[in-house]
Every structure is written in C-alpha cells, then in structure tokens.
Amino acid sequence: MIVCFHLALLLWNPPPDRLDPLTPQEQRDSVPKHVRDSPHFQQNPRETPRFSQDLCDAAKRNDVDEIARLIQSGRALPNAMELKQPSFHRPLHLAALRGHLEAMRTLIANGADIDLTNDKGATVAHVAASAGQTEALRLAIAEGVDVRGTVPYVNHATALHFAATAGNAAAVEMLIEAGAAVGALDKRRQTPLHYAATKGREAAAMALVDAGAPLGLKDVNGQTEVDRARLFAHYKLEKLLKQAASDAQRASDGRQVGRRRAPPAEVTQPPEDEGRGRRPAYVPKVDL
C-alpha cells in the first residue's frame, strides 16, 4: 500500500529533470498579465516563464551546471528576462551584479548576447559599473560590450557616468582605455565628472581629470563640476578641481604645470529620444 502511494506520488510530481507537466501556453498563462504581455515574451514565443526564472535564479547562485542544463535542454533561452521588479534583468545582468564570472562565461558560451539590455535600457556594462563589479566589467569589455551606450531611463547616462558615481577609479580607467567617451553629456548636460563631483568621489574624479575630462562645462542648471562639489559640501574635491582648472589654464598658456593630464576630450551629445513614450527625463534614484 505504501509502495503504491509513493509510486502514485512520483507519477503525479515528476522529478525536476523530467519534462514539466504544464504546456508552454499554460506556463505563460500562470504568470502576471503585465509580464505575459511584455515585449520580451511577445518576441520569444517558445520561452516558458517558469524556466526563465529558474535560469535567472541559477545565474544569481553562480550555478554553472544548472545554467548549462536549462539552456542546452531548450527549456530556457540564454537571453531570458527575470519576472521580478524593480528591474526585469537578464541572467547575464544578474550574474554581473554579483560578480559571478563563471556564470557570465557559461551564459556567453551558451548564446547570451553581451549587448542586450534590461527593461530600463541598461547593458551588462552599466550594471557592472554601477555595482562596482570591476572584474565583471573587465569580462564584459573583453567580450566586446558597447562602452559608449546610454541608458534612456537615466538621462542617457553612460557606463562611465555610473562608474564615476560609484567612485570606482579602476572601472573609470578601464572604461576610458576601452574607448568610453570622457566628455559624454547626459540629458542634463552633465559629464561623468559632474557625477563624481556630486558624490564626492575624489579618486574617480581625478582619474577623469587626468584622462582629459572637460572642465568648466555647465549643466542645465548652470553648474560646473566645481559648483556640484561645493553644493554637496565636498570641499576637498572642490579644491582639487579648482587646482585642475588652474593647471589646465596654465598648460594652455604654455606654462609648466605640476600635474600632467591628457588633452581635453571631445564633448559628445546624448542621443535624441525617438518620441515613443519615454519615461521622465529626470529620475533621482533608480535601480538598474
């Protein structure tokens, strides 16, 4: 009797490595309507939401065997989207946020696209820079991620803006070496140096200055990087930035300066919005 009961239970609840008893359509119907109707799932009709979340959870755990099993069995797509707020991340984003390099390599080897974005338009480079995951950012750069891409949801900020905000000087230098635009403006006409000054990130700010970051540019509120540092009471950084501006003026006059810096970088404008119902231009705090 007990044996028959356990056998019936096993048939009713198959082990994880067997096919799921729900059809793909039934699985899609089991998730919230706003997720089911999202562009990602509309464009990926063979993707089943349950296994998409399983893949995302495996990326969070750095479980490379489960990642490979789910993708190679065809149950989950490598560019799946997580079903949870605040951001609908892809597995590669989730691995990068936690610095799981093995999971990132496994996902890329199994077809994950390094340049795909989450629902806010952020690539792996943006989220790694924002989270201070230098090695994850290094891997993304080695795989050819676009280091000049912008995030529409956050005023078209670049990965360099996020690295400057995080105060990660190593990430700043890495991005610049990979071709990131030091003089990139966001929609508020702020450069990465404005971001570093706002947060008081001295090491990141001076790395930008040494790389030729434009000095004295005014944002939409008429504030320079020195004004931003003063506004948020970062007085030591304010002094350093004033000295940098003085040195730049002396160098342009042909006089000798104490701190060497690269020639002033070109100022690059943010891309134009395409007018398709963008989110508000200013978002004071956002989770990528």
C-alpha atoms as a PDB file:
ATOM      1  CA  MET A   1       0.000   0.000   0.000  1.00  0.00           C
ATOM      2  CA  ILE A   2       2.790   2.409   0.966  1.00  0.00           C
ATOM      3  CA  VAL A   3       4.748   1.494  -2.175  1.00  0.00           C
ATOM      4  CA  CYS A   4       1.710   2.176  -4.360  1.00  0.00           C
ATOM      5  CA  PHE A   5       1.177   5.527  -2.638  1.00  0.00           C
ATOM      6  CA  HIS A   6       4.792   6.625  -3.258  1.00  0.00           C
ATOM      7  CA  LEU A   7       4.636   5.429  -6.866  1.00  0.00           C
ATOM      8  CA  ALA A   8       1.454   7.435  -7.456  1.00  0.00           C
ATOM      9  CA  LEU A   9       3.039  10.490  -5.817  1.00  0.00           C
ATOM     10  CA  LEU A  10       6.100  10.173  -8.043  1.00  0.00           C
ATOM     11  CA  LEU A  11       3.966   9.967 -11.176  1.00  0.00           C
ATOM     12  CA  TRP A  12       1.910  12.971 -10.065  1.00  0.00           C
ATOM     13  CA  ASN A  13       5.003  15.075  -9.195  1.00  0.00           C
ATOM     14  CA  PRO A  14       7.778  14.188 -11.650  1.00  0.00           C
ATOM     15  CA  PRO A  15      11.372  14.946 -10.584  1.00  0.00           C
ATOM     16  CA  PRO A  16      12.986  18.199 -11.790  1.00  0.00           C
ATOM     17  CA  ASP A  17      14.888  16.584 -14.668  1.00  0.00           C
ATOM     18  CA  ARG A  18      11.669  15.389 -16.339  1.00  0.00           C
ATOM     19  CA  LEU A  19       9.518  17.481 -18.634  1.00  0.00           C
ATOM     20  CA  ASP A  20       7.196  19.868 -16.869  1.00  0.00           C
ATOM     21  CA  PRO A  21       3.571  18.620 -16.965  1.00  0.00           C
ATOM     22  CA  LEU A  22       2.322  22.113 -17.928  1.00  0.00           C
ATOM     23  CA  THR A  23       2.326  23.078 -21.567  1.00  0.00           C
ATOM     24  CA  PRO A  24       4.266  26.239 -22.563  1.00  0.00           C
ATOM     25  CA  GLN A  25       0.984  28.112 -23.026  1.00  0.00           C
ATOM     26  CA  GLU A  26      -0.225  27.025 -19.575  1.00  0.00           C
ATOM     27  CA  GLN A  27       3.039  28.237 -18.063  1.00  0.00           C
ATOM     28  CA  ARG A  28       2.701  31.577 -19.836  1.00  0.00           C
ATOM     29  CA  ASP A  29      -0.866  31.924 -18.567  1.00  0.00           C
ATOM     30  CA  SER A  30       0.306  31.294 -14.993  1.00  0.00           C
ATOM     31  CA  VAL A  31       2.371  34.493 -14.768  1.00  0.00           C
ATOM     32  CA  PRO A  32       1.008  38.040 -14.271  1.00  0.00           C
ATOM     33  CA  LYS A  33      -0.610  39.578 -17.343  1.00  0.00           C
ATOM     34  CA  HIS A  34       1.791  42.565 -17.462  1.00  0.00           C
ATOM     35  CA  VAL A  35       4.706  40.127 -17.736  1.00  0.00           C
ATOM     36  CA  ARG A  36       2.932  37.896 -20.231  1.00  0.00           C
ATOM     37  CA  ASP A  37       2.135  40.877 -22.449  1.00  0.00           C
ATOM     38  CA  SER A  38       5.613  42.409 -22.228  1.00  0.00           C
ATOM     39  CA  PRO A  39       7.557  42.874 -25.498  1.00  0.00           C
ATOM     40  CA  HIS A  40      10.184  40.349 -24.370  1.00  0.00           C
ATOM     41  CA  PHE A  41       7.729  37.454 -24.079  1.00  0.00           C
ATOM     42  CA  GLN A  42       5.843  38.535 -27.186  1.00  0.00           C
ATOM     43  CA  GLN A  43       9.093  38.315 -29.149  1.00  0.00           C
ATOM     44  CA  ASN A  44      10.104  34.949 -27.644  1.00  0.00           C
ATOM     45  CA  PRO A  45       7.063  32.684 -28.089  1.00  0.00           C
ATOM     46  CA  ARG A  46       8.945  29.477 -27.291  1.00  0.00           C
ATOM     47  CA  GLU A  47      10.186  30.737 -23.944  1.00  0.00           C
ATOM     48  CA  THR A  48       8.468  29.402 -20.834  1.00  0.00           C
ATOM     49  CA  PRO A  49       8.369  31.864 -17.906  1.00  0.00           C
ATOM     50  CA  ARG A  50       8.945  29.270 -15.208  1.00  0.00           C
ATOM     51  CA  PHE A  51      12.235  28.109 -16.698  1.00  0.00           C
ATOM     52  CA  SER A  52      13.240  31.695 -17.459  1.00  0.00           C
ATOM     53  CA  GLN A  53      13.085  32.422 -13.747  1.00  0.00           C
ATOM     54  CA  ASP A  54      14.928  29.180 -12.985  1.00  0.00           C
ATOM     55  CA  LEU A  55      17.742  30.323 -15.273  1.00  0.00           C
ATOM     56  CA  CYS A  56      17.855  33.744 -13.608  1.00  0.00           C
ATOM     57  CA  ASP A  57      17.975  32.130 -10.167  1.00  0.00           C
ATOM     58  CA  ALA A  58      20.824  29.854 -11.305  1.00  0.00           C
ATOM     59  CA  ALA A  59      22.758  32.924 -12.501  1.00  0.00           C
ATOM     60  CA  LYS A  60      22.296  34.517  -9.080  1.00  0.00           C
ATOM     61  CA  ARG A  61      23.688  31.393  -7.404  1.00  0.00           C
ATOM     62  CA  ASN A  62      26.585  31.064  -9.861  1.00  0.00           C
ATOM     63  CA  ASP A  63      25.296  27.552 -10.622  1.00  0.00           C
ATOM     64  CA  VAL A  64      27.015  26.913 -13.948  1.00  0.00           C
ATOM     65  CA  ASP A  65      25.770  23.311 -14.259  1.00  0.00           C
ATOM     66  CA  GLU A  66      22.132  24.363 -13.923  1.00  0.00           C
ATOM     67  CA  ILE A  67      22.652  27.241 -16.353  1.00  0.00           C
ATOM     68  CA  ALA A  68      24.079  24.900 -18.983  1.00  0.00           C
ATOM     69  CA  ARG A  69      21.363  22.270 -18.370  1.00  0.00           C
ATOM     70  CA  LEU A  70      18.462  24.704 -18.730  1.00  0.00           C
ATOM     71  CA  ILE A  71      19.788  26.308 -21.909  1.00  0.00           C
ATOM     72  CA  GLN A  72      21.061  23.169 -23.632  1.00  0.00           C
ATOM     73  CA  SER A  73      17.818  21.299 -22.915  1.00  0.00           C
ATOM     74  CA  GLY A  74      15.912  24.084 -24.667  1.00  0.00           C
ATOM     75  CA  ARG A  75      13.824  24.875 -21.593  1.00  0.00           C
ATOM     76  CA  ALA A  76      15.146  28.423 -21.172  1.00  0.00           C
ATOM     77  CA  LEU A  77      16.601  30.935 -23.577  1.00  0.00           C
ATOM     78  CA  PRO A  78      20.029  32.421 -22.708  1.00  0.00           C
ATOM     79  CA  ASN A  79      18.620  35.946 -23.057  1.00  0.00           C
ATOM     80  CA  ALA A  80      15.605  35.314 -20.834  1.00  0.00           C
ATOM     81  CA  MET A  81      14.111  38.068 -18.699  1.00  0.00           C
ATOM     82  CA  GLU A  82      13.600  37.873 -14.943  1.00  0.00           C
ATOM     83  CA  LEU A  83       9.997  38.201 -13.803  1.00  0.00           C
ATOM     84  CA  LYS A  84      10.675  40.323 -10.712  1.00  0.00           C
ATOM     85  CA  GLN A  85      10.733  44.060 -10.105  1.00  0.00           C
ATOM     86  CA  PRO A  86      12.318  46.619  -9.662  1.00  0.00           C
ATOM     87  CA  SER A  87      14.150  45.781 -12.904  1.00  0.00           C
ATOM     88  CA  PHE A  88      13.486  42.962 -15.315  1.00  0.00           C
ATOM     89  CA  HIS A  89      17.077  41.774 -15.617  1.00  0.00           C
ATOM     90  CA  ARG A  90      18.531  39.123 -17.881  1.00  0.00           C
ATOM     91  CA  PRO A  91      20.648  36.272 -16.456  1.00  0.00           C
ATOM     92  CA  LEU A  92      23.855  37.943 -17.637  1.00  0.00           C
ATOM     93  CA  HIS A  93      22.943  41.129 -15.757  1.00  0.00           C
ATOM     94  CA  LEU A  94      22.159  39.177 -12.589  1.00  0.00           C
ATOM     95  CA  ALA A  95      25.496  37.364 -12.724  1.00  0.00           C
ATOM     96  CA  ALA A  96      27.393  40.612 -13.357  1.00  0.00           C
ATOM     97  CA  LEU A  97      25.669  42.396 -10.459  1.00  0.00           C
ATOM     98  CA  ARG A  98      27.032  39.734  -8.116  1.00  0.00           C
ATOM     99  CA  GLY A  99      30.437  39.361  -9.743  1.00  0.00           C
ATOM    100  CA  HIS A 100      29.781  35.742 -10.777  1.00  0.00           C
ATOM    101  CA  LEU A 101      32.350  35.429 -13.557  1.00  0.00           C
ATOM    102  CA  GLU A 102      31.864  31.686 -14.082  1.00  0.00           C
ATOM    103  CA  ALA A 103      28.143  32.166 -14.592  1.00  0.00           C
ATOM    104  CA  MET A 104      28.808  35.011 -17.025  1.00  0.00           C
ATOM    105  CA  ARG A 105      31.220  32.891 -19.072  1.00  0.00           C
ATOM    106  CA  THR A 106      28.775  29.960 -19.149  1.00  0.00           C
ATOM    107  CA  LEU A 107      25.917  32.191 -20.294  1.00  0.00           C
ATOM    108  CA  ILE A 108      28.026  33.811 -23.012  1.00  0.00           C
ATOM    109  CA  ALA A 109      29.286  30.413 -24.194  1.00  0.00           C
ATOM    110  CA  ASN A 110      25.661  29.285 -24.479  1.00  0.00           C
ATOM    111  CA  GLY A 111      24.472  32.222 -26.535  1.00  0.00           C
ATOM    112  CA  ALA A 112      23.833  35.145 -24.172  1.00  0.00           C
ATOM    113  CA  ASP A 113      24.106  38.467 -26.043  1.00  0.00           C
ATOM    114  CA  ILE A 114      26.551  40.817 -24.294  1.00  0.00           C
ATOM    115  CA  ASP A 115      24.827  43.961 -25.611  1.00  0.00           C
ATOM    116  CA  LEU A 116      21.203  43.169 -24.777  1.00  0.00           C
ATOM    117  CA  THR A 117      19.597  45.477 -22.217  1.00  0.00           C
ATOM    118  CA  ASN A 118      17.239  45.067 -19.303  1.00  0.00           C
ATOM    119  CA  ASP A 119      13.847  46.795 -19.306  1.00  0.00           C
ATOM    120  CA  LYS A 120      15.441  50.146 -18.417  1.00  0.00           C
ATOM    121  CA  GLY A 121      17.876  50.016 -21.321  1.00  0.00           C
ATOM    122  CA  ALA A 122      20.975  49.132 -19.260  1.00  0.00           C
ATOM    123  CA  THR A 123      23.583  46.718 -20.591  1.00  0.00           C
ATOM    124  CA  VAL A 124      25.878  44.494 -18.564  1.00  0.00           C
ATOM    125  CA  ALA A 125      28.472  47.296 -18.664  1.00  0.00           C
ATOM    126  CA  HIS A 126      26.077  49.721 -16.994  1.00  0.00           C
ATOM    127  CA  VAL A 127      25.010  47.390 -14.201  1.00  0.00           C
ATOM    128  CA  ALA A 128      28.565  46.147 -13.508  1.00  0.00           C
ATOM    129  CA  ALA A 129      29.891  49.720 -13.369  1.00  0.00           C
ATOM    130  CA  SER A 130      27.014  50.801 -11.126  1.00  0.00           C
ATOM    131  CA  ALA A 131      27.552  47.872  -8.750  1.00  0.00           C
ATOM    132  CA  GLY A 132      31.316  48.346  -8.585  1.00  0.00           C
ATOM    133  CA  GLN A 133      31.972  44.883 -10.058  1.00  0.00           C
ATOM    134  CA  THR A 134      35.281  45.637 -11.741  1.00  0.00           C
ATOM    135  CA  GLU A 135      36.108  42.100 -12.834  1.00  0.00           C
ATOM    136  CA  ALA A 136      32.648  41.572 -14.278  1.00  0.00           C
ATOM    137  CA  LEU A 137      33.088  44.810 -16.197  1.00  0.00           C
ATOM    138  CA  ARG A 138      36.518  43.658 -17.406  1.00  0.00           C
ATOM    139  CA  LEU A 139      34.972  40.431 -18.722  1.00  0.00           C
ATOM    140  CA  ALA A 140      32.155  42.326 -20.452  1.00  0.00           C
ATOM    141  CA  ILE A 141      34.672  44.626 -22.135  1.00  0.00           C
ATOM    142  CA  ALA A 142      36.749  41.650 -23.254  1.00  0.00           C
ATOM    143  CA  GLU A 143      33.591  40.171 -24.803  1.00  0.00           C
ATOM    144  CA  GLY A 144      33.038  43.381 -26.776  1.00  0.00           C
ATOM    145  CA  VAL A 145      30.288  45.164 -24.853  1.00  0.00           C
ATOM    146  CA  ASP A 146      29.427  48.651 -26.128  1.00  0.00           C
ATOM    147  CA  VAL A 147      31.076  51.001 -23.616  1.00  0.00           C
ATOM    148  CA  ARG A 148      29.519  54.110 -25.175  1.00  0.00           C
ATOM    149  CA  GLY A 149      25.895  53.013 -24.940  1.00  0.00           C
ATOM    150  CA  THR A 150      23.469  55.096 -22.888  1.00  0.00           C
ATOM    151  CA  VAL A 151      20.528  54.308 -20.604  1.00  0.00           C
ATOM    152  CA  PRO A 152      17.404  56.213 -21.749  1.00  0.00           C
ATOM    153  CA  TYR A 153      15.715  55.724 -18.374  1.00  0.00           C
ATOM    154  CA  VAL A 154      18.557  57.510 -16.549  1.00  0.00           C
ATOM    155  CA  ASN A 155      19.011  60.633 -18.668  1.00  0.00           C
ATOM    156  CA  HIS A 156      21.055  58.727 -21.272  1.00  0.00           C
ATOM    157  CA  ALA A 157      23.919  58.199 -18.831  1.00  0.00           C
ATOM    158  CA  THR A 158      26.830  56.026 -19.976  1.00  0.00           C
ATOM    159  CA  ALA A 159      28.671  53.276 -18.123  1.00  0.00           C
ATOM    160  CA  LEU A 160      31.343  55.874 -17.339  1.00  0.00           C
ATOM    161  CA  HIS A 161      28.733  58.034 -15.593  1.00  0.00           C
ATOM    162  CA  PHE A 162      27.789  55.053 -13.423  1.00  0.00           C
ATOM    163  CA  ALA A 163      31.398  54.149 -12.645  1.00  0.00           C
ATOM    164  CA  ALA A 164      32.051  57.771 -11.637  1.00  0.00           C
ATOM    165  CA  THR A 165      29.002  57.760  -9.373  1.00  0.00           C
ATOM    166  CA  ALA A 166      30.158  54.536  -7.730  1.00  0.00           C
ATOM    167  CA  GLY A 167      33.605  56.065  -7.199  1.00  0.00           C
ATOM    168  CA  ASN A 168      35.366  53.106  -8.815  1.00  0.00           C
ATOM    169  CA  ALA A 169      38.560  54.645 -10.222  1.00  0.00           C
ATOM    170  CA  ALA A 170      39.714  51.293 -11.625  1.00  0.00           C
ATOM    171  CA  ALA A 171      36.459  50.912 -13.558  1.00  0.00           C
ATOM    172  CA  VAL A 172      36.735  54.514 -14.779  1.00  0.00           C
ATOM    173  CA  GLU A 173      40.244  53.901 -16.126  1.00  0.00           C
ATOM    174  CA  MET A 174      39.194  50.565 -17.645  1.00  0.00           C
ATOM    175  CA  LEU A 175      36.253  52.112 -19.486  1.00  0.00           C
ATOM    176  CA  ILE A 176      38.343  55.021 -20.773  1.00  0.00           C
ATOM    177  CA  GLU A 177      41.004  52.628 -22.047  1.00  0.00           C
ATOM    178  CA  ALA A 178      38.251  50.652 -23.808  1.00  0.00           C
ATOM    179  CA  GLY A 179      37.043  53.769 -25.621  1.00  0.00           C
ATOM    180  CA  ALA A 180      34.383  55.288 -23.352  1.00  0.00           C
ATOM    181  CA  ALA A 181      33.706  58.967 -24.024  1.00  0.00           C
ATOM    182  CA  VAL A 182      35.209  61.052 -21.196  1.00  0.00           C
ATOM    183  CA  GLY A 183      33.258  64.092 -22.352  1.00  0.00           C
ATOM    184  CA  ALA A 184      29.887  62.372 -22.742  1.00  0.00           C
ATOM    185  CA  LEU A 185      26.920  64.545 -21.785  1.00  0.00           C
ATOM    186  CA  ASP A 186      23.683  63.158 -20.404  1.00  0.00           C
ATOM    187  CA  LYS A 187      20.286  64.792 -20.946  1.00  0.00           C
ATOM    188  CA  ARG A 188      21.041  67.253 -18.133  1.00  0.00           C
ATOM    189  CA  ARG A 189      24.303  68.170 -19.869  1.00  0.00           C
ATOM    190  CA  GLN A 190      26.323  66.558 -17.093  1.00  0.00           C
ATOM    191  CA  THR A 191      29.575  64.715 -17.768  1.00  0.00           C
ATOM    192  CA  PRO A 192      30.901  61.792 -15.719  1.00  0.00           C
ATOM    193  CA  LEU A 193      32.979  64.383 -13.856  1.00  0.00           C
ATOM    194  CA  HIS A 194      29.773  66.122 -12.742  1.00  0.00           C
ATOM    195  CA  TYR A 195      28.561  62.776 -11.375  1.00  0.00           C
ATOM    196  CA  ALA A 196      31.814  62.138  -9.492  1.00  0.00           C
ATOM    197  CA  ALA A 197      31.776  65.675  -8.063  1.00  0.00           C
ATOM    198  CA  THR A 198      28.166  65.309  -6.907  1.00  0.00           C
ATOM    199  CA  LYS A 199      29.035  62.184  -4.918  1.00  0.00           C
ATOM    200  CA  GLY A 200      32.456  63.415  -3.753  1.00  0.00           C
ATOM    201  CA  ARG A 201      34.328  60.583  -5.468  1.00  0.00           C
ATOM    202  CA  GLU A 202      37.836  62.020  -5.398  1.00  0.00           C
ATOM    203  CA  ALA A 203      39.752  59.104  -6.937  1.00  0.00           C
ATOM    204  CA  ALA A 204      37.269  58.703  -9.779  1.00  0.00           C
ATOM    205  CA  ALA A 205      37.143  62.465 -10.369  1.00  0.00           C
ATOM    206  CA  MET A 206      40.909  62.789 -10.615  1.00  0.00           C
ATOM    207  CA  ALA A 207      41.104  59.756 -12.924  1.00  0.00           C
ATOM    208  CA  LEU A 208      38.676  61.580 -15.207  1.00  0.00           C
ATOM    209  CA  VAL A 209      40.646  64.816 -14.945  1.00  0.00           C
ATOM    210  CA  ASP A 210      43.885  63.024 -15.839  1.00  0.00           C
ATOM    211  CA  ALA A 211      42.139  61.466 -18.853  1.00  0.00           C
ATOM    212  CA  GLY A 212      41.227  64.895 -20.184  1.00  0.00           C
ATOM    213  CA  ALA A 213      37.679  65.335 -18.888  1.00  0.00           C
ATOM    214  CA  PRO A 214      36.283  68.734 -19.983  1.00  0.00           C
ATOM    215  CA  LEU A 215      36.463  71.278 -17.164  1.00  0.00           C
ATOM    216  CA  GLY A 216      34.094  74.136 -16.512  1.00  0.00           C
ATOM    217  CA  LEU A 217      31.137  72.814 -18.530  1.00  0.00           C
ATOM    218  CA  LYS A 218      27.774  73.997 -17.234  1.00  0.00           C
ATOM    219  CA  ASP A 219      24.801  71.669 -16.933  1.00  0.00           C
ATOM    220  CA  VAL A 220      21.153  72.634 -17.477  1.00  0.00           C
ATOM    221  CA  ASN A 221      21.186  74.391 -14.088  1.00  0.00           C
ATOM    222  CA  GLY A 222      24.299  76.374 -14.939  1.00  0.00           C
ATOM    223  CA  GLN A 223      26.514  74.345 -12.579  1.00  0.00           C
ATOM    224  CA  THR A 224      30.063  73.199 -13.281  1.00  0.00           C
ATOM    225  CA  GLU A 225      31.761  70.248 -11.622  1.00  0.00           C
ATOM    226  CA  VAL A 226      33.226  72.682  -9.055  1.00  0.00           C
ATOM    227  CA  ASP A 227      29.740  74.001  -8.287  1.00  0.00           C
ATOM    228  CA  ARG A 228      28.434  70.445  -7.787  1.00  0.00           C
ATOM    229  CA  ALA A 229      31.234  69.592  -5.375  1.00  0.00           C
ATOM    230  CA  ARG A 230      30.603  72.792  -3.403  1.00  0.00           C
ATOM    231  CA  LEU A 231      26.829  72.289  -3.405  1.00  0.00           C
ATOM    232  CA  PHE A 232      27.166  68.882  -1.748  1.00  0.00           C
ATOM    233  CA  ALA A 233      29.880  70.023   0.685  1.00  0.00           C
ATOM    234  CA  HIS A 234      32.744  68.053  -0.882  1.00  0.00           C
ATOM    235  CA  TYR A 235      35.194  70.842  -0.167  1.00  0.00           C
ATOM    236  CA  LYS A 236      38.409  68.848  -0.603  1.00  0.00           C
ATOM    237  CA  LEU A 237      37.298  67.735  -4.046  1.00  0.00           C
ATOM    238  CA  GLU A 238      36.222  71.296  -4.844  1.00  0.00           C
ATOM    239  CA  LYS A 239      39.771  72.444  -4.116  1.00  0.00           C
ATOM    240  CA  LEU A 240      41.270  69.678  -6.272  1.00  0.00           C
ATOM    241  CA  LEU A 241      39.003  70.546  -9.184  1.00  0.00           C
ATOM    242  CA  LYS A 242      39.840  74.250  -8.913  1.00  0.00           C
ATOM    243  CA  GLN A 243      43.522  73.357  -8.999  1.00  0.00           C
ATOM    244  CA  ALA A 244      42.938  71.160 -12.039  1.00  0.00           C
ATOM    245  CA  ALA A 245      41.210  74.030 -13.829  1.00  0.00           C
ATOM    246  CA  SER A 246      44.089  76.344 -12.937  1.00  0.00           C
ATOM    247  CA  ASP A 247      46.627  73.826 -14.219  1.00  0.00           C
ATOM    248  CA  ALA A 248      44.662  73.448 -17.454  1.00  0.00           C
ATOM    249  CA  GLN A 249      44.721  77.198 -17.976  1.00  0.00           C
ATOM    250  CA  ARG A 250      48.460  77.344 -17.288  1.00  0.00           C
ATOM    251  CA  ALA A 251      49.081  74.498 -19.733  1.00  0.00           C
ATOM    252  CA  SER A 252      47.061  76.251 -22.441  1.00  0.00           C
ATOM    253  CA  ASP A 253      49.262  79.320 -21.892  1.00  0.00           C
ATOM    254  CA  GLY A 254      52.362  77.193 -22.418  1.00  0.00           C
ATOM    255  CA  ARG A 255      53.445  77.312 -18.792  1.00  0.00           C
ATOM    256  CA  GLN A 256      54.671  74.361 -16.773  1.00  0.00           C
ATOM    257  CA  VAL A 257      52.173  72.584 -14.526  1.00  0.00           C
ATOM    258  CA  GLY A 258      52.630  70.126 -11.686  1.00  0.00           C
ATOM    259  CA  ARG A 259      50.035  67.520 -12.716  1.00  0.00           C
ATOM    260  CA  ARG A 260      50.104  66.073 -16.197  1.00  0.00           C
ATOM    261  CA  ARG A 261      46.778  65.375 -17.889  1.00  0.00           C
ATOM    262  CA  ALA A 262      45.645  64.249 -21.316  1.00  0.00           C
ATOM    263  CA  PRO A 263      44.474  66.837 -23.846  1.00  0.00           C
ATOM    264  CA  PRO A 264      40.861  67.948 -23.327  1.00  0.00           C
ATOM    265  CA  ALA A 265      38.446  65.302 -24.554  1.00  0.00           C
ATOM    266  CA  GLU A 266      35.741  65.930 -27.115  1.00  0.00           C
ATOM    267  CA  VAL A 267      32.298  66.691 -25.714  1.00  0.00           C
ATOM    268  CA  THR A 268      29.724  64.216 -27.043  1.00  0.00           C
ATOM    269  CA  GLN A 269      25.975  64.834 -27.041  1.00  0.00           C
ATOM    270  CA  PRO A 270      23.402  62.286 -25.817  1.00  0.00           C
ATOM    271  CA  PRO A 271      21.286  60.562 -28.475  1.00  0.00           C
ATOM    272  CA  GLU A 272      17.950  62.069 -29.402  1.00  0.00           C
ATOM    273  CA  ASP A 273      14.875  60.379 -27.951  1.00  0.00           C
ATOM    274  CA  GLU A 274      12.723  58.705 -30.559  1.00  0.00           C
ATOM    275  CA  GLY A 275       9.464  60.051 -29.150  1.00  0.00           C
ATOM    276  CA  ARG A 276       7.878  56.717 -28.271  1.00  0.00           C
ATOM    277  CA  GLY A 277       6.591  57.425 -24.771  1.00  0.00           C
ATOM    278  CA  ARG A 278       9.842  57.777 -22.895  1.00  0.00           C
ATOM    279  CA  ARG A 279       9.944  57.836 -19.103  1.00  0.00           C
ATOM    280  CA  PRO A 280      10.553  61.159 -17.301  1.00  0.00           C
ATOM    281  CA  ALA A 281      13.839  62.851 -18.172  1.00  0.00           C
ATOM    282  CA  TYR A 282      14.936  63.138 -14.542  1.00  0.00           C
ATOM    283  CA  VAL A 283      14.977  60.135 -12.233  1.00  0.00           C
ATOM    284  CA  PRO A 284      16.676  60.981  -8.923  1.00  0.00           C
ATOM    285  CA  LYS A 285      17.141  57.365  -7.836  1.00  0.00           C
ATOM    286  CA  VAL A 286      16.927  54.217  -9.902  1.00  0.00           C
ATOM    287  CA  ASP A 287      17.791  50.542  -9.605  1.00  0.00           C
ATOM    288  CA  LEU A 288      19.426  49.277 -12.766  1.00  0.00           C
END
